[in-house]
Amino acid sequence: MNKNRILSISLIALVSGQDFTPKEILGYVISHPKPETSIMEIRLEITRKKKKKLKTRVREFTRYEKFYTVGKFKSKSLARFKKPDIVKGTSLLSWVYKNGKTEQWFSLPKIKKAKQIKAKDRSKNFLNTDFIYEDLENRNFKTDSLANLGNEFIDGNQCRVIMAWPKQESSYFSRKIWVNVQSWRIVKVEYYSSESEREKTLLITNFIKNNDYMTAGKMIMERENGNKTVMEIISYKPDIGLKDEVFSKSFLINP
């Protein structure tokens, strides 16, 4: 979908008041142009609250990603940590299939072995952050049951609020999603472990534009107990040219 098309959709939504379905809204979200490949440099700040004191640790990693227009894959990604030394070389490989299935492998530099992440382990925290393995997948909303909850404003911007219940196995009971109707970007997500129990909240801000592509610049995942992880994009390079071997299990072990 080109920029003029996105603009026209925004004008229709705001001016004429046309009521889009949740499926249509999330369809506009995922229709933004994506580079075939990209490289991101990412900084993590992990804050833990203990005895009314806050302690923050910093991690840095590089994320490689590739999208596919043909074949059975939707996307592949590789995250490789580089700072500090205690986590340097630790890597996560993800393959997302067009049918909604995701496969992930984890590797530690000392072990030199690709360990597949089983379905039961997708609820575990990724390297002691507040993101679990499932959060790091390119989610396919076609596998969710959706409901429209109306309109709300975030920072003065009108958002459509959608509730999503997973049809397939998930670590969450549901997700509550806020979509900015001017940019057609997700700006907030609440994660629920039961119908009434909110587990954590994700805020998405500081969008970065490079050529015709845009990506979230900062993601803040905060739990109800005060713990949080800030994921900030330091560098975003789209259409960088990456070969398939970068996303192989052999490269995961031996870069």
Protein backbone atom coordinates (compact mmCIF):
# COMPACT_ATOMS: atom_id res chain seq x y z
CA MET A 1 0.00 0.00 0.00
CA ASN A 2 1.51 3.37 -1.00
CA LYS A 3 1.61 6.55 1.05
CA ASN A 4 -1.27 8.16 -0.85
CA ARG A 5 -3.44 5.15 -0.17
CA ILE A 6 -2.66 5.26 3.56
CA LEU A 7 -3.41 9.00 3.62
CA SER A 8 -6.75 8.50 1.88
CA ILE A 9 -7.72 5.79 4.35
CA SER A 10 -6.86 8.10 7.25
CA LEU A 11 -8.99 10.89 5.80
CA ILE A 12 -11.92 8.56 5.30
CA ALA A 13 -11.67 7.34 8.87
CA LEU A 14 -11.42 10.79 10.42
CA VAL A 15 -13.62 12.88 8.12
CA SER A 16 -16.43 10.62 6.96
CA GLY A 17 -16.48 8.50 10.13
CA GLN A 18 -16.50 5.22 8.23
CA ASP A 19 -16.47 2.34 10.69
CA PHE A 20 -13.76 -0.16 9.76
CA THR A 21 -13.77 -3.69 11.13
CA PRO A 22 -10.91 -4.81 13.42
CA LYS A 23 -9.67 -7.09 10.63
CA GLU A 24 -9.54 -4.15 8.19
CA ILE A 25 -7.76 -1.92 10.70
CA LEU A 26 -5.05 -4.50 11.43
CA GLY A 27 -4.84 -5.15 7.70
CA TYR A 28 -3.89 -1.49 7.19
CA VAL A 29 -1.32 -1.83 9.99
CA ILE A 30 0.50 -4.72 8.32
CA SER A 31 0.16 -3.25 4.80
CA HIS A 32 2.90 -0.66 5.31
CA PRO A 33 5.81 -1.26 2.92
CA LYS A 34 8.59 -3.38 4.38
CA PRO A 35 12.17 -3.66 3.14
CA GLU A 36 13.19 -7.05 1.84
CA THR A 37 16.05 -7.02 4.34
CA SER A 38 17.16 -4.81 7.21
CA ILE A 39 19.75 -4.47 9.97
CA MET A 40 19.03 -2.79 13.30
CA GLU A 41 21.33 -1.88 16.17
CA ILE A 42 19.29 -2.12 19.38
CA ARG A 43 19.89 -1.06 22.98
CA LEU A 44 18.09 -2.66 25.92
CA GLU A 45 17.64 -1.14 29.36
CA ILE A 46 16.33 -3.70 31.84
CA THR A 47 15.05 -2.18 35.09
CA ARG A 48 14.23 -4.24 38.16
CA LYS A 49 12.51 -2.96 41.27
CA LYS A 50 13.74 -4.57 44.50
CA LYS A 51 13.00 -3.29 47.99
CA LYS A 52 11.88 0.07 46.60
CA LYS A 53 15.19 0.46 44.73
CA LEU A 54 15.66 0.42 40.96
CA LYS A 55 18.54 -1.39 39.27
CA THR A 56 19.15 -1.06 35.51
CA ARG A 57 21.27 -3.24 33.23
CA VAL A 58 22.15 -2.44 29.63
CA ARG A 59 22.38 -4.87 26.71
CA GLU A 60 23.11 -4.25 23.01
CA PHE A 61 22.40 -6.50 20.04
CA THR A 62 22.13 -6.51 16.27
CA ARG A 63 18.95 -7.72 14.59
CA TYR A 64 18.92 -8.99 11.00
CA GLU A 65 15.57 -9.50 9.24
CA LYS A 66 14.33 -10.69 5.87
CA PHE A 67 10.79 -10.76 4.43
CA TYR A 68 9.66 -13.16 1.71
CA THR A 69 7.06 -12.60 -1.03
CA VAL A 70 7.18 -16.17 -2.39
CA GLY A 71 7.57 -19.56 -0.75
CA LYS A 72 6.43 -20.87 2.62
CA PHE A 73 8.14 -18.25 4.81
CA LYS A 74 6.74 -14.88 5.84
CA SER A 75 9.97 -13.68 7.48
CA LYS A 76 13.19 -14.74 9.16
CA SER A 77 15.20 -12.86 11.78
CA LEU A 78 18.39 -13.24 13.76
CA ALA A 79 19.26 -11.34 16.94
CA ARG A 80 22.89 -11.48 18.09
CA PHE A 81 24.07 -9.83 21.32
CA LYS A 82 27.36 -7.93 21.39
CA LYS A 83 27.43 -6.11 24.76
CA PRO A 84 28.26 -6.67 27.59
CA ASP A 85 30.76 -9.52 27.38
CA ILE A 86 28.64 -11.78 29.60
CA VAL A 87 26.01 -12.11 26.83
CA LYS A 88 28.21 -11.48 23.78
CA GLY A 89 27.47 -14.00 21.02
CA THR A 90 24.14 -15.12 22.48
CA SER A 91 21.72 -15.41 19.54
CA LEU A 92 18.07 -16.03 18.68
CA LEU A 93 16.91 -17.26 15.25
CA SER A 94 13.23 -17.04 14.25
CA TRP A 95 11.45 -18.45 11.21
CA VAL A 96 7.87 -17.26 10.67
CA TYR A 97 5.76 -19.28 8.21
CA LYS A 98 2.87 -17.88 6.18
CA ASN A 99 0.50 -20.36 7.85
CA GLY A 100 1.11 -18.66 11.22
CA LYS A 101 3.61 -21.20 12.58
CA THR A 102 6.84 -19.95 14.15
CA GLU A 103 10.05 -21.85 14.84
CA GLN A 104 12.81 -20.42 17.06
CA TRP A 105 16.32 -21.53 18.03
CA PHE A 106 18.56 -20.22 20.80
CA SER A 107 22.35 -20.41 20.92
CA LEU A 108 24.95 -19.64 23.60
CA PRO A 109 28.54 -19.03 22.46
CA LYS A 110 30.01 -21.54 24.95
CA ILE A 111 27.67 -24.35 23.91
CA LYS A 112 27.96 -23.95 20.12
CA LYS A 113 24.64 -25.70 19.61
CA ALA A 114 21.26 -24.57 18.28
CA LYS A 115 18.60 -25.35 20.87
CA GLN A 116 15.06 -25.25 19.53
CA ILE A 117 12.57 -23.34 21.66
CA LYS A 118 9.59 -25.59 22.29
CA ALA A 119 6.03 -24.34 22.40
CA LYS A 120 5.95 -24.63 26.20
CA ASP A 121 9.04 -22.37 26.46
CA ARG A 122 7.60 -19.46 24.41
CA SER A 123 6.30 -17.95 27.67
CA LYS A 124 9.81 -17.68 29.17
CA ASN A 125 11.56 -14.31 29.40
CA PHE A 126 14.13 -13.58 26.72
CA LEU A 127 17.49 -13.04 28.47
CA ASN A 128 15.79 -11.79 31.67
CA THR A 129 13.97 -8.98 29.87
CA ASP A 130 10.23 -8.31 30.11
CA PHE A 131 9.80 -9.60 26.55
CA ILE A 132 9.05 -13.30 26.23
CA TYR A 133 9.96 -15.37 23.17
CA GLU A 134 6.41 -15.10 21.85
CA ASP A 135 6.65 -11.27 21.94
CA LEU A 136 9.59 -11.41 19.52
CA GLU A 137 7.59 -13.15 16.79
CA ASN A 138 6.08 -11.34 13.79
CA ARG A 139 2.52 -11.95 14.93
CA ASN A 140 -0.10 -13.05 12.40
CA PHE A 141 -3.39 -11.42 13.42
CA LYS A 142 -5.26 -13.83 11.16
CA THR A 143 -4.89 -16.38 13.95
CA ASP A 144 -6.78 -14.15 16.44
CA SER A 145 -10.45 -13.55 17.20
CA LEU A 146 -10.99 -9.77 17.11
CA ALA A 147 -13.46 -7.30 18.60
CA ASN A 148 -13.81 -3.51 18.26
CA LEU A 149 -13.83 -1.63 21.59
CA GLY A 150 -14.28 1.87 20.15
CA ASN A 151 -12.09 4.99 20.15
CA GLU A 152 -9.63 6.48 22.64
CA PHE A 153 -7.01 9.22 22.52
CA ILE A 154 -3.30 8.76 23.29
CA ASP A 155 -1.17 11.91 23.41
CA GLY A 156 -3.90 13.77 21.54
CA ASN A 157 -4.07 11.21 18.73
CA GLN A 158 -7.23 9.28 17.96
CA CYS A 159 -6.84 5.51 18.25
CA ARG A 160 -9.07 2.55 17.53
CA VAL A 161 -9.03 -0.02 20.31
CA ILE A 162 -9.18 -3.70 19.42
CA MET A 163 -9.32 -6.81 21.61
CA ALA A 164 -7.56 -9.90 20.27
CA TRP A 165 -8.00 -13.44 21.59
CA PRO A 166 -5.57 -16.07 20.22
CA LYS A 167 -7.09 -19.01 18.36
CA GLN A 168 -3.83 -20.92 18.54
CA GLU A 169 -1.75 -21.74 21.62
CA SER A 170 -0.44 -18.56 23.29
CA SER A 171 1.11 -17.39 26.55
CA TYR A 172 -1.64 -14.78 26.87
CA PHE A 173 -5.38 -14.89 27.38
CA SER A 174 -5.82 -11.77 25.24
CA ARG A 175 -4.26 -8.54 23.97
CA LYS A 176 -5.76 -5.06 23.94
CA ILE A 177 -4.39 -3.06 20.99
CA TRP A 178 -4.43 0.69 20.27
CA VAL A 179 -4.02 1.70 16.60
CA ASN A 180 -3.34 5.34 15.66
CA VAL A 181 -5.85 6.08 12.86
CA GLN A 182 -3.67 8.77 11.28
CA SER A 183 -0.49 6.71 10.93
CA TRP A 184 -2.08 3.22 11.07
CA ARG A 185 0.57 2.16 13.58
CA ILE A 186 0.13 0.19 16.77
CA VAL A 187 1.09 2.52 19.63
CA LYS A 188 0.05 0.54 22.70
CA VAL A 189 -0.65 -3.08 23.68
CA GLU A 190 -1.91 -4.48 26.98
CA TYR A 191 -1.29 -8.17 27.66
CA TYR A 192 -3.76 -10.13 29.80
CA SER A 193 -3.16 -13.44 31.60
CA SER A 194 -6.90 -13.78 32.29
CA GLU A 195 -10.06 -11.90 31.42
CA SER A 196 -9.47 -9.30 34.15
CA GLU A 197 -5.77 -9.59 35.01
CA ARG A 198 -3.42 -7.33 33.07
CA GLU A 199 0.13 -8.69 33.06
CA LYS A 200 2.08 -5.92 31.30
CA THR A 201 1.82 -2.98 28.90
CA LEU A 202 3.82 -2.11 25.78
CA LEU A 203 4.18 1.51 24.62
CA ILE A 204 5.53 2.14 21.10
CA THR A 205 6.94 5.58 20.26
CA ASN A 206 9.65 7.52 18.38
CA PHE A 207 9.05 6.04 14.93
CA ILE A 208 12.08 6.16 12.63
CA LYS A 209 11.80 6.76 8.88
CA ASN A 210 14.48 5.68 6.41
CA ASN A 211 13.65 6.07 2.70
CA ASP A 212 10.07 4.78 2.28
CA TYR A 213 10.20 2.59 5.40
CA MET A 214 9.23 3.31 8.97
CA THR A 215 9.83 1.33 12.15
CA ALA A 216 9.22 1.81 15.87
CA GLY A 217 12.13 3.64 17.48
CA LYS A 218 11.35 2.83 21.09
CA MET A 219 9.34 0.09 22.80
CA ILE A 220 8.73 0.17 26.55
CA MET A 221 7.44 -3.04 28.11
CA GLU A 222 6.35 -2.47 31.72
CA ARG A 223 4.95 -5.03 34.13
CA GLU A 224 2.39 -4.36 36.82
CA ASN A 225 5.07 -4.89 39.52
CA GLY A 226 7.17 -1.95 38.23
CA ASN A 227 9.76 -3.96 36.30
CA LYS A 228 10.32 -2.77 32.74
CA THR A 229 12.45 -3.13 29.62
CA VAL A 230 13.16 -0.30 27.19
CA MET A 231 14.11 -1.42 23.67
CA GLU A 232 15.53 1.46 21.62
CA ILE A 233 16.59 1.38 17.97
CA ILE A 234 19.99 3.06 17.65
CA SER A 235 20.41 2.43 13.90
CA TYR A 236 18.02 1.24 11.18
CA LYS A 237 19.33 0.24 7.74
CA PRO A 238 16.70 -1.10 5.29
CA ASP A 239 17.38 -2.94 2.02
CA ILE A 240 20.89 -3.73 3.12
CA GLY A 241 21.14 -7.01 1.17
CA LEU A 242 21.28 -10.18 3.28
CA LYS A 243 21.74 -13.72 2.02
CA ASP A 244 19.58 -16.60 3.24
CA GLU A 245 22.57 -18.22 4.95
CA VAL A 246 22.47 -15.44 7.59
CA PHE A 247 19.21 -16.96 8.80
CA SER A 248 20.41 -20.57 8.94
CA LYS A 249 20.99 -22.71 12.03
CA SER A 250 24.65 -23.18 11.01
CA PHE A 251 25.20 -19.38 10.94
CA LEU A 252 23.44 -19.15 14.31
CA ILE A 253 26.19 -21.31 15.78
CA ASN A 254 29.16 -20.19 13.66
CA PRO A 255 28.78 -16.59 12.41
